């Protein structure tokens, strides 16, 4: 008779090995197609040069700057919104209302990104254009605001789960001392859940970094280095989607693999940070 437990354990082990091998193969594939750039010393030149195909220059520096600006700005909008929503759900709101809010947030995580993009094009872009007299309205500010809406549900869920995992004895002690909900939040919940908050930030940063459609639809896709948040920009992911090269051996085509390697390495660093925080959390328990 087959041991069901061992069968399931081996199945999960095989799935994990397959996933790891597939991830490694993808990375090797990108490195292999980028070898001519490494051999010719062009890899770092591509990272530091502008994108001027008409002059034979295929750098992704403007896209790197556009990615950093849009992602970091989106986190600036999303973090206070997510933290406040998590506090409302976990600490302030009555149980029924809290449960309803959590269900709504969970539903928002399943909305396709392209839907957010359409909402941004038809509602947010005209608003930003009229409010700030910002050209077409497709710029870094608009893209970051909509991207913040995309990553906020994930951040809220992680923050909320972190708040709800606080030992009940801590909350009971504050209640016994006559502490208010805000005092419980400041002196117990936030200090005990900072690792969960940091994990949520890191994962949301990776989610924002890997998003393509929001930047593609709303950021304006300008290939120049932006001087302000009211100017258009292009991200690394949207650049990969937009570049069409007829010659697969050209620098133009191989430059998109430079973008892929940068994104891959950045995601790897984020995953390692999350795992490190998880191990620290287990050691402290």
Protein backbone atom coordinates (compact mmCIF):
# COMPACT_ATOMS: atom_id res chain seq x y z
CA UNK A 1 0.00 0.00 0.00
CA UNK A 2 1.33 3.42 -0.98
CA UNK A 3 2.15 5.73 1.89
CA UNK A 4 0.09 8.82 1.05
CA UNK A 5 2.18 11.13 3.22
CA UNK A 6 5.48 10.13 1.60
CA UNK A 7 3.96 10.32 -1.87
CA UNK A 8 2.74 13.88 -1.27
CA UNK A 9 6.09 14.83 0.27
CA UNK A 10 8.02 13.48 -2.74
CA UNK A 11 5.61 15.21 -5.14
CA UNK A 12 6.22 18.56 -3.46
CA UNK A 13 9.97 17.92 -3.44
CA UNK A 14 9.96 17.12 -7.17
CA UNK A 15 7.87 20.23 -7.88
CA UNK A 16 10.32 22.36 -5.90
CA UNK A 17 13.31 20.90 -7.74
CA UNK A 18 11.58 21.45 -11.08
CA UNK A 19 10.76 25.08 -10.23
CA UNK A 20 14.31 25.78 -9.10
CA UNK A 21 15.76 24.12 -12.19
CA UNK A 22 13.42 26.06 -14.49
CA UNK A 23 14.37 29.35 -12.84
CA UNK A 24 18.06 28.53 -13.20
CA UNK A 25 17.60 27.52 -16.86
CA UNK A 26 15.89 30.84 -17.63
CA UNK A 27 18.77 32.73 -16.03
CA UNK A 28 21.34 30.68 -17.99
CA UNK A 29 19.35 31.34 -21.17
CA UNK A 30 19.53 35.11 -20.58
CA UNK A 31 23.24 34.96 -19.79
CA UNK A 32 23.91 32.87 -22.91
CA UNK A 33 22.16 35.35 -25.19
CA UNK A 34 24.01 38.20 -23.47
CA UNK A 35 27.48 36.63 -23.81
CA UNK A 36 28.47 38.76 -26.83
CA UNK A 37 27.80 41.85 -24.70
CA UNK A 38 29.99 40.56 -21.86
CA UNK A 39 32.76 39.49 -24.22
CA UNK A 40 32.76 42.83 -25.98
CA UNK A 41 32.60 44.78 -22.74
CA UNK A 42 29.28 46.30 -23.81
CA UNK A 43 27.11 45.13 -20.90
CA UNK A 44 27.96 47.99 -18.53
CA UNK A 45 28.04 50.46 -21.41
CA UNK A 46 24.44 49.54 -22.16
CA UNK A 47 23.53 50.14 -18.53
CA UNK A 48 25.09 53.60 -18.56
CA UNK A 49 24.26 54.90 -22.05
CA UNK A 50 21.10 56.57 -23.40
CA UNK A 51 18.79 54.94 -25.95
CA UNK A 52 19.56 56.50 -29.35
CA UNK A 53 19.08 53.87 -32.07
CA UNK A 54 19.50 56.45 -34.83
CA UNK A 55 23.09 56.97 -33.62
CA UNK A 56 23.78 53.30 -32.99
CA UNK A 57 23.56 53.74 -29.19
CA UNK A 58 21.36 51.21 -27.38
CA UNK A 59 21.72 52.05 -23.70
CA UNK A 60 19.01 51.42 -21.10
CA UNK A 61 20.06 54.03 -18.56
CA UNK A 62 16.87 56.15 -19.07
CA UNK A 63 14.74 53.04 -18.55
CA UNK A 64 16.68 52.17 -15.39
CA UNK A 65 16.07 55.66 -13.99
CA UNK A 66 12.41 55.56 -15.03
CA UNK A 67 11.95 52.21 -13.31
CA UNK A 68 13.53 53.39 -10.06
CA UNK A 69 11.48 56.61 -9.98
CA UNK A 70 8.13 54.98 -10.72
CA UNK A 71 8.69 52.07 -8.33
CA UNK A 72 9.96 54.12 -5.38
CA UNK A 73 7.28 56.77 -5.83
CA UNK A 74 4.58 54.10 -5.96
CA UNK A 75 5.86 52.71 -2.66
CA UNK A 76 5.69 56.19 -1.14
CA UNK A 77 1.97 56.32 -2.01
CA UNK A 78 1.17 52.68 -1.27
CA UNK A 79 2.88 52.28 2.11
CA UNK A 80 0.86 54.79 4.19
CA UNK A 81 -2.34 53.75 2.41
CA UNK A 82 -1.68 50.06 3.09
CA UNK A 83 -0.53 50.58 6.67
CA UNK A 84 -3.57 52.72 7.47
CA UNK A 85 -5.94 50.22 5.87
CA UNK A 86 -4.30 47.35 7.79
CA UNK A 87 -4.66 49.24 11.07
CA UNK A 88 -8.32 49.88 10.29
CA UNK A 89 -8.95 46.22 9.49
CA UNK A 90 -6.98 44.70 12.38
CA UNK A 91 -7.28 47.23 15.20
CA UNK A 92 -9.96 49.89 14.80
CA UNK A 93 -12.89 48.54 12.77
CA UNK A 94 -15.66 46.38 14.32
CA UNK A 95 -15.35 42.66 13.51
CA UNK A 96 -18.07 42.57 10.83
CA UNK A 97 -16.84 45.66 9.05
CA UNK A 98 -13.26 44.44 9.35
CA UNK A 99 -14.16 41.11 7.75
CA UNK A 100 -15.96 42.91 4.89
CA UNK A 101 -12.95 45.15 4.25
CA UNK A 102 -10.60 42.19 4.21
CA UNK A 103 -12.79 40.38 1.67
CA UNK A 104 -12.80 43.46 -0.57
CA UNK A 105 -9.00 43.73 -0.40
CA UNK A 106 -8.63 40.03 -1.21
CA UNK A 107 -10.92 40.50 -4.19
CA UNK A 108 -8.80 43.43 -5.40
CA UNK A 109 -5.72 41.20 -5.59
CA UNK A 110 -7.48 39.14 -8.27
CA UNK A 111 -8.30 42.09 -10.56
CA UNK A 112 -6.15 41.92 -13.73
CA UNK A 113 -3.55 44.67 -14.02
CA UNK A 114 -4.90 45.70 -17.42
CA UNK A 115 -8.15 46.76 -15.72
CA UNK A 116 -6.20 49.12 -13.48
CA UNK A 117 -4.48 50.35 -16.61
CA UNK A 118 -7.77 51.17 -18.34
CA UNK A 119 -9.03 52.98 -15.24
CA UNK A 120 -5.81 54.96 -15.19
CA UNK A 121 -6.04 55.92 -18.87
CA UNK A 122 -9.67 57.10 -18.74
CA UNK A 123 -9.86 58.55 -15.21
CA UNK A 124 -6.46 59.25 -13.66
CA UNK A 125 -4.62 60.54 -16.75
CA UNK A 126 -7.19 63.30 -17.53
CA UNK A 127 -7.31 64.26 -13.84
CA UNK A 128 -3.52 64.65 -13.58
CA UNK A 129 -3.43 66.49 -16.91
CA UNK A 130 -6.02 69.05 -15.78
CA UNK A 131 -4.88 69.32 -12.18
CA UNK A 132 -1.18 69.92 -12.84
CA UNK A 133 -1.31 71.06 -16.48
CA UNK A 134 1.09 68.18 -17.15
CA UNK A 135 1.06 67.70 -20.91
CA UNK A 136 -0.66 64.48 -21.92
CA UNK A 137 -0.99 63.36 -18.30
CA UNK A 138 0.93 60.18 -19.04
CA UNK A 139 3.93 60.59 -16.79
CA UNK A 140 5.81 59.23 -13.80
CA UNK A 141 3.34 60.63 -11.25
CA UNK A 142 0.32 59.07 -12.95
CA UNK A 143 2.02 55.69 -13.39
CA UNK A 144 3.23 55.65 -9.77
CA UNK A 145 -0.24 56.48 -8.41
CA UNK A 146 -1.88 53.68 -10.38
CA UNK A 147 0.93 51.26 -9.59
CA UNK A 148 0.39 52.07 -5.92
CA UNK A 149 -3.21 50.92 -6.33
CA UNK A 150 -1.99 47.66 -7.87
CA UNK A 151 0.48 46.76 -5.11
CA UNK A 152 -1.54 48.06 -2.15
CA UNK A 153 -3.89 45.02 -1.79
CA UNK A 154 -0.94 42.64 -1.50
CA UNK A 155 0.75 44.90 1.02
CA UNK A 156 -2.46 45.26 3.05
CA UNK A 157 -2.94 41.49 3.27
CA UNK A 158 0.65 40.92 4.42
CA UNK A 159 0.45 43.73 6.99
CA UNK A 160 -2.92 42.49 8.27
CA UNK A 161 -1.69 38.92 8.66
CA UNK A 162 1.36 40.21 10.49
CA UNK A 163 -0.79 42.24 12.90
CA UNK A 164 -3.11 39.29 13.56
CA UNK A 165 -0.19 36.98 14.38
CA UNK A 166 0.73 38.99 17.47
CA UNK A 167 0.40 36.72 20.55
CA UNK A 168 -2.99 37.19 22.19
CA UNK A 169 -1.33 37.47 25.60
CA UNK A 170 0.26 40.78 24.55
CA UNK A 171 -3.09 42.26 23.59
CA UNK A 172 -4.70 40.96 26.77
CA UNK A 173 -1.99 42.60 28.85
CA UNK A 174 -2.65 46.00 27.25
CA UNK A 175 -6.40 45.55 27.73
CA UNK A 176 -5.87 44.62 31.38
CA UNK A 177 -3.90 47.83 31.90
CA UNK A 178 -6.70 49.89 30.36
CA UNK A 179 -4.82 50.75 27.19
CA UNK A 180 -6.63 52.09 24.15
CA UNK A 181 -6.56 50.60 20.67
CA UNK A 182 -4.09 53.26 19.54
CA UNK A 183 -1.78 52.54 22.50
CA UNK A 184 -1.98 48.84 21.65
CA UNK A 185 -1.03 49.67 18.08
CA UNK A 186 1.92 51.90 19.00
CA UNK A 187 3.40 49.94 21.89
CA UNK A 188 2.59 46.32 20.96
CA UNK A 189 1.43 45.66 17.40
CA UNK A 190 3.88 47.78 15.39
CA UNK A 191 7.01 46.84 17.40
CA UNK A 192 6.15 43.14 17.23
CA UNK A 193 5.24 43.07 13.53
CA UNK A 194 8.02 45.19 12.01
CA UNK A 195 9.49 42.16 10.24
CA UNK A 196 6.17 41.41 8.61
CA UNK A 197 5.87 45.05 7.55
CA UNK A 198 9.35 44.97 6.06
CA UNK A 199 8.57 41.70 4.27
CA UNK A 200 5.44 43.25 2.80
CA UNK A 201 7.45 46.21 1.59
CA UNK A 202 10.07 44.02 -0.05
CA UNK A 203 7.53 41.78 -1.79
CA UNK A 204 5.55 44.80 -2.99
CA UNK A 205 8.76 46.36 -4.27
CA UNK A 206 9.36 43.24 -6.34
CA UNK A 207 5.75 43.27 -7.56
CA UNK A 208 6.08 46.90 -8.63
CA UNK A 209 9.45 46.30 -10.28
CA UNK A 210 8.07 43.44 -12.37
CA UNK A 211 4.87 45.13 -13.51
CA UNK A 212 4.67 45.87 -17.22
CA UNK A 213 1.18 47.01 -18.20
CA UNK A 214 0.83 50.03 -15.90
CA UNK A 215 4.05 51.63 -17.15
CA UNK A 216 3.29 50.56 -20.71
CA UNK A 217 -0.17 52.14 -20.71
CA UNK A 218 0.27 55.20 -18.47
CA UNK A 219 3.92 56.27 -18.12
CA UNK A 220 4.23 57.69 -21.65
CA UNK A 221 7.16 55.47 -22.76
CA UNK A 222 9.64 58.31 -23.35
CA UNK A 223 13.21 57.09 -23.81
CA UNK A 224 14.83 60.23 -22.35
CA UNK A 225 15.99 60.61 -18.75
CA UNK A 226 13.10 62.37 -16.93
CA UNK A 227 13.79 65.66 -15.15
CA UNK A 228 10.63 65.63 -13.03
CA UNK A 229 7.73 63.40 -12.05
CA UNK A 230 5.54 65.23 -14.58
CA UNK A 231 7.57 63.91 -17.50
CA UNK A 232 7.03 60.65 -19.37
CA UNK A 233 9.33 57.68 -18.80
CA UNK A 234 9.83 54.08 -19.80
CA UNK A 235 10.56 51.19 -17.44
CA UNK A 236 12.77 48.17 -18.05
CA UNK A 237 9.78 45.84 -18.34
CA UNK A 238 7.93 48.03 -20.84
CA UNK A 239 11.17 48.46 -22.79
CA UNK A 240 11.44 44.69 -23.16
CA UNK A 241 7.85 44.60 -24.43
CA UNK A 242 8.33 47.46 -26.90
CA UNK A 243 11.69 46.69 -28.49
CA UNK A 244 11.27 44.89 -31.80
CA UNK A 245 14.53 44.06 -33.57
CA UNK A 246 14.64 42.38 -36.94
CA UNK A 247 18.20 41.15 -36.42
CA UNK A 248 18.49 38.83 -33.41
CA UNK A 249 22.27 39.30 -33.37
CA UNK A 250 22.05 43.07 -33.10
CA UNK A 251 22.92 45.04 -29.96
CA UNK A 252 19.38 46.41 -30.01
CA UNK A 253 17.93 42.95 -29.55
CA UNK A 254 20.50 41.80 -27.01
CA UNK A 255 19.96 44.96 -24.95
CA UNK A 256 16.60 43.62 -23.78
CA UNK A 257 18.44 40.71 -22.15
CA UNK A 258 20.46 43.27 -20.21
CA UNK A 259 17.13 44.55 -18.87
CA UNK A 260 16.11 40.98 -18.05
CA UNK A 261 19.32 40.24 -16.17
CA UNK A 262 18.98 43.44 -14.10
CA UNK A 263 15.38 42.59 -13.21
CA UNK A 264 16.29 38.97 -12.46
CA UNK A 265 19.15 39.92 -10.14
CA UNK A 266 17.03 42.50 -8.37
CA UNK A 267 14.24 39.96 -7.80
CA UNK A 268 16.78 37.42 -6.51
CA UNK A 269 18.10 39.93 -3.98
CA UNK A 270 14.56 40.64 -2.78
CA UNK A 271 13.79 36.93 -2.36
CA UNK A 272 16.99 36.41 -0.38
CA UNK A 273 16.07 39.34 1.87
CA UNK A 274 12.63 37.87 2.53
CA UNK A 275 14.11 34.47 3.37
CA UNK A 276 16.69 36.09 5.66
CA UNK A 277 13.94 37.96 7.52
CA UNK A 278 11.93 34.75 7.80
CA UNK A 279 14.87 32.90 9.37
CA UNK A 280 15.50 35.78 11.77
CA UNK A 281 11.86 35.71 12.78
CA UNK A 282 12.01 31.95 13.48
CA UNK A 283 15.19 32.32 15.55
CA UNK A 284 13.64 34.98 17.73
CA UNK A 285 10.60 32.84 18.56
